[in-house]
Amino acid sequence: MTELYSAQFYRLGMEEAGRDYAQGHLTAKGAIAAWVRIRLKPGWNAKLKPAEFRKEFRRNGKPMPSSTFWDAVNRLKEEGFISFEEPSELDICRCNEPYDNPSEIPDTS
């Protein structure tokens, strides 16, 4: 029997991944997985700066939300696709304005 399709592939680059994320064709989890596959061979390590990464992947002119990024990274870790160390510290600043209702705290991401 003859083969209907020959083996083909398309090499995905960061520009295409960013465009696919912006158009809604790629999820945050898929964008992070693409970044890992494009830049790293199995067993390789790299430093990823979340704020810079989120700025590269924009939708509707806005960077990927921080909560979306961390949710996707944690799901990839749970699946065993990536591993990472939790940051040893966070830079936190208390807002000057008093908030009676937590829902009134502005989102700065």
C-alpha atoms as a PDB file:
ATOM      1  CA  MET A   1       0.000   0.000   0.000  1.00  0.00           C
ATOM      2  CA  THR A   2       1.359   3.409  -0.878  1.00  0.00           C
ATOM      3  CA  GLU A   3       1.716   6.064   1.749  1.00  0.00           C
ATOM      4  CA  LEU A   4      -0.832   8.863   1.392  1.00  0.00           C
ATOM      5  CA  TYR A   5       1.299  11.457   3.151  1.00  0.00           C
ATOM      6  CA  SER A   6       5.038  11.822   3.274  1.00  0.00           C
ATOM      7  CA  ALA A   7       6.632  12.730   6.586  1.00  0.00           C
ATOM      8  CA  GLN A   8       6.630  16.500   6.901  1.00  0.00           C
ATOM      9  CA  PHE A   9       7.214  18.936   9.691  1.00  0.00           C
ATOM     10  CA  TYR A  10       7.069  22.659  10.285  1.00  0.00           C
ATOM     11  CA  ARG A  11       9.721  24.230  12.454  1.00  0.00           C
ATOM     12  CA  LEU A  12       7.960  26.580  14.862  1.00  0.00           C
ATOM     13  CA  GLY A  13       9.936  29.687  15.790  1.00  0.00           C
ATOM     14  CA  MET A  14       9.384  32.222  18.546  1.00  0.00           C
ATOM     15  CA  GLU A  15       7.915  34.762  16.133  1.00  0.00           C
ATOM     16  CA  GLU A  16       5.280  32.274  14.951  1.00  0.00           C
ATOM     17  CA  ALA A  17       4.583  31.122  18.510  1.00  0.00           C
ATOM     18  CA  GLY A  18       4.029  34.723  19.628  1.00  0.00           C
ATOM     19  CA  ARG A  19       1.732  35.379  16.682  1.00  0.00           C
ATOM     20  CA  ASP A  20      -0.217  32.156  17.329  1.00  0.00           C
ATOM     21  CA  TYR A  21      -0.648  33.115  20.994  1.00  0.00           C
ATOM     22  CA  ALA A  22      -1.807  36.626  20.040  1.00  0.00           C
ATOM     23  CA  GLN A  23      -4.389  35.178  17.635  1.00  0.00           C
ATOM     24  CA  GLY A  24      -5.676  32.676  20.201  1.00  0.00           C
ATOM     25  CA  HIS A  25      -4.340  29.620  18.343  1.00  0.00           C
ATOM     26  CA  LEU A  26      -1.886  28.812  21.138  1.00  0.00           C
ATOM     27  CA  THR A  27      -2.650  28.662  24.865  1.00  0.00           C
ATOM     28  CA  ALA A  28      -0.321  29.992  27.557  1.00  0.00           C
ATOM     29  CA  LYS A  29       0.672  26.407  28.356  1.00  0.00           C
ATOM     30  CA  GLY A  30       1.364  25.794  24.663  1.00  0.00           C
ATOM     31  CA  ALA A  31       3.371  29.017  24.381  1.00  0.00           C
ATOM     32  CA  ILE A  32       5.592  28.050  27.312  1.00  0.00           C
ATOM     33  CA  ALA A  33       5.977  24.496  25.992  1.00  0.00           C
ATOM     34  CA  ALA A  34       6.931  25.933  22.577  1.00  0.00           C
ATOM     35  CA  TRP A  35       9.510  28.231  24.195  1.00  0.00           C
ATOM     36  CA  VAL A  36      11.034  25.240  26.005  1.00  0.00           C
ATOM     37  CA  ARG A  37      11.073  23.042  22.879  1.00  0.00           C
ATOM     38  CA  ILE A  38      12.552  25.806  20.705  1.00  0.00           C
ATOM     39  CA  ARG A  39      15.329  26.747  23.113  1.00  0.00           C
ATOM     40  CA  LEU A  40      16.198  23.575  25.037  1.00  0.00           C
ATOM     41  CA  LYS A  41      17.145  19.991  24.333  1.00  0.00           C
ATOM     42  CA  PRO A  42      16.065  17.459  26.985  1.00  0.00           C
ATOM     43  CA  GLY A  43      18.223  17.937  30.075  1.00  0.00           C
ATOM     44  CA  TRP A  44      19.313  21.495  29.195  1.00  0.00           C
ATOM     45  CA  ASN A  45      18.619  24.364  31.602  1.00  0.00           C
ATOM     46  CA  ALA A  46      17.856  28.026  30.973  1.00  0.00           C
ATOM     47  CA  LYS A  47      16.837  31.065  32.947  1.00  0.00           C
ATOM     48  CA  LEU A  48      13.430  32.457  32.097  1.00  0.00           C
ATOM     49  CA  LYS A  49      12.427  35.915  33.284  1.00  0.00           C
ATOM     50  CA  PRO A  50       8.639  35.744  33.733  1.00  0.00           C
ATOM     51  CA  ALA A  51       7.977  39.465  33.178  1.00  0.00           C
ATOM     52  CA  GLU A  52      10.009  39.514  29.948  1.00  0.00           C
ATOM     53  CA  PHE A  53       8.439  36.273  28.731  1.00  0.00           C
ATOM     54  CA  ARG A  54       4.919  37.572  29.391  1.00  0.00           C
ATOM     55  CA  LYS A  55       5.708  40.744  27.391  1.00  0.00           C
ATOM     56  CA  GLU A  56       6.762  38.599  24.397  1.00  0.00           C
ATOM     57  CA  PHE A  57       3.411  36.789  24.425  1.00  0.00           C
ATOM     58  CA  ARG A  58       0.697  39.406  24.067  1.00  0.00           C
ATOM     59  CA  ARG A  59      -3.003  39.171  23.368  1.00  0.00           C
ATOM     60  CA  ASN A  60      -5.145  42.226  22.614  1.00  0.00           C
ATOM     61  CA  GLY A  61      -2.052  44.365  23.145  1.00  0.00           C
ATOM     62  CA  LYS A  62      -1.599  43.181  26.743  1.00  0.00           C
ATOM     63  CA  PRO A  63       1.116  40.905  28.130  1.00  0.00           C
ATOM     64  CA  MET A  64       0.143  37.397  29.212  1.00  0.00           C
ATOM     65  CA  PRO A  65      -1.404  37.762  32.698  1.00  0.00           C
ATOM     66  CA  SER A  66       0.878  36.736  35.544  1.00  0.00           C
ATOM     67  CA  SER A  67      -1.658  34.306  36.990  1.00  0.00           C
ATOM     68  CA  THR A  68      -2.082  32.667  33.565  1.00  0.00           C
ATOM     69  CA  PHE A  69       1.687  32.301  33.230  1.00  0.00           C
ATOM     70  CA  TRP A  70       2.157  30.706  36.666  1.00  0.00           C
ATOM     71  CA  ASP A  71      -0.830  28.400  36.208  1.00  0.00           C
ATOM     72  CA  ALA A  72       0.578  27.152  32.887  1.00  0.00           C
ATOM     73  CA  VAL A  73       4.110  26.730  34.286  1.00  0.00           C
ATOM     74  CA  ASN A  74       2.771  24.742  37.243  1.00  0.00           C
ATOM     75  CA  ARG A  75       0.676  22.486  34.983  1.00  0.00           C
ATOM     76  CA  LEU A  76       3.736  21.745  32.825  1.00  0.00           C
ATOM     77  CA  LYS A  77       5.696  20.955  36.001  1.00  0.00           C
ATOM     78  CA  GLU A  78       2.950  18.635  37.293  1.00  0.00           C
ATOM     79  CA  GLU A  79       2.982  16.813  33.946  1.00  0.00           C
ATOM     80  CA  GLY A  80       6.753  16.335  34.202  1.00  0.00           C
ATOM     81  CA  PHE A  81       7.516  18.370  31.064  1.00  0.00           C
ATOM     82  CA  ILE A  82       9.607  20.941  32.960  1.00  0.00           C
ATOM     83  CA  SER A  83      11.085  21.381  36.401  1.00  0.00           C
ATOM     84  CA  PHE A  84      11.959  24.604  38.164  1.00  0.00           C
ATOM     85  CA  GLU A  85      12.825  25.937  41.573  1.00  0.00           C
ATOM     86  CA  GLU A  86      10.362  28.159  43.378  1.00  0.00           C
ATOM     87  CA  PRO A  87      11.801  31.659  43.839  1.00  0.00           C
ATOM     88  CA  SER A  88      13.466  32.023  47.220  1.00  0.00           C
ATOM     89  CA  GLU A  89      12.027  35.506  47.644  1.00  0.00           C
ATOM     90  CA  LEU A  90       9.502  37.898  46.149  1.00  0.00           C
ATOM     91  CA  ASP A  91       9.697  41.666  46.035  1.00  0.00           C
ATOM     92  CA  ILE A  92       6.454  42.858  47.612  1.00  0.00           C
ATOM     93  CA  CYS A  93       5.307  46.407  48.208  1.00  0.00           C
ATOM     94  CA  ARG A  94       2.234  47.336  50.232  1.00  0.00           C
ATOM     95  CA  CYS A  95      -0.083  49.862  48.598  1.00  0.00           C
ATOM     96  CA  ASN A  96      -0.405  53.143  50.482  1.00  0.00           C
ATOM     97  CA  GLU A  97      -4.155  53.373  50.070  1.00  0.00           C
ATOM     98  CA  PRO A  98      -6.264  51.453  52.568  1.00  0.00           C
ATOM     99  CA  TYR A  99      -8.625  48.925  51.024  1.00  0.00           C
ATOM    100  CA  ASP A 100     -11.689  47.770  52.901  1.00  0.00           C
ATOM    101  CA  ASN A 101     -12.575  45.264  50.202  1.00  0.00           C
ATOM    102  CA  PRO A 102      -9.851  43.060  48.629  1.00  0.00           C
ATOM    103  CA  SER A 103     -11.660  43.310  45.277  1.00  0.00           C
ATOM    104  CA  GLU A 104     -10.812  47.041  45.220  1.00  0.00           C
ATOM    105  CA  ILE A 105      -7.059  46.352  45.046  1.00  0.00           C
ATOM    106  CA  PRO A 106      -5.898  47.376  41.552  1.00  0.00           C
ATOM    107  CA  ASP A 107      -4.336  44.751  39.305  1.00  0.00           C
ATOM    108  CA  THR A 108      -0.882  46.001  38.332  1.00  0.00           C
ATOM    109  CA  SER A 109       0.014  43.095  36.026  1.00  0.00           C
END
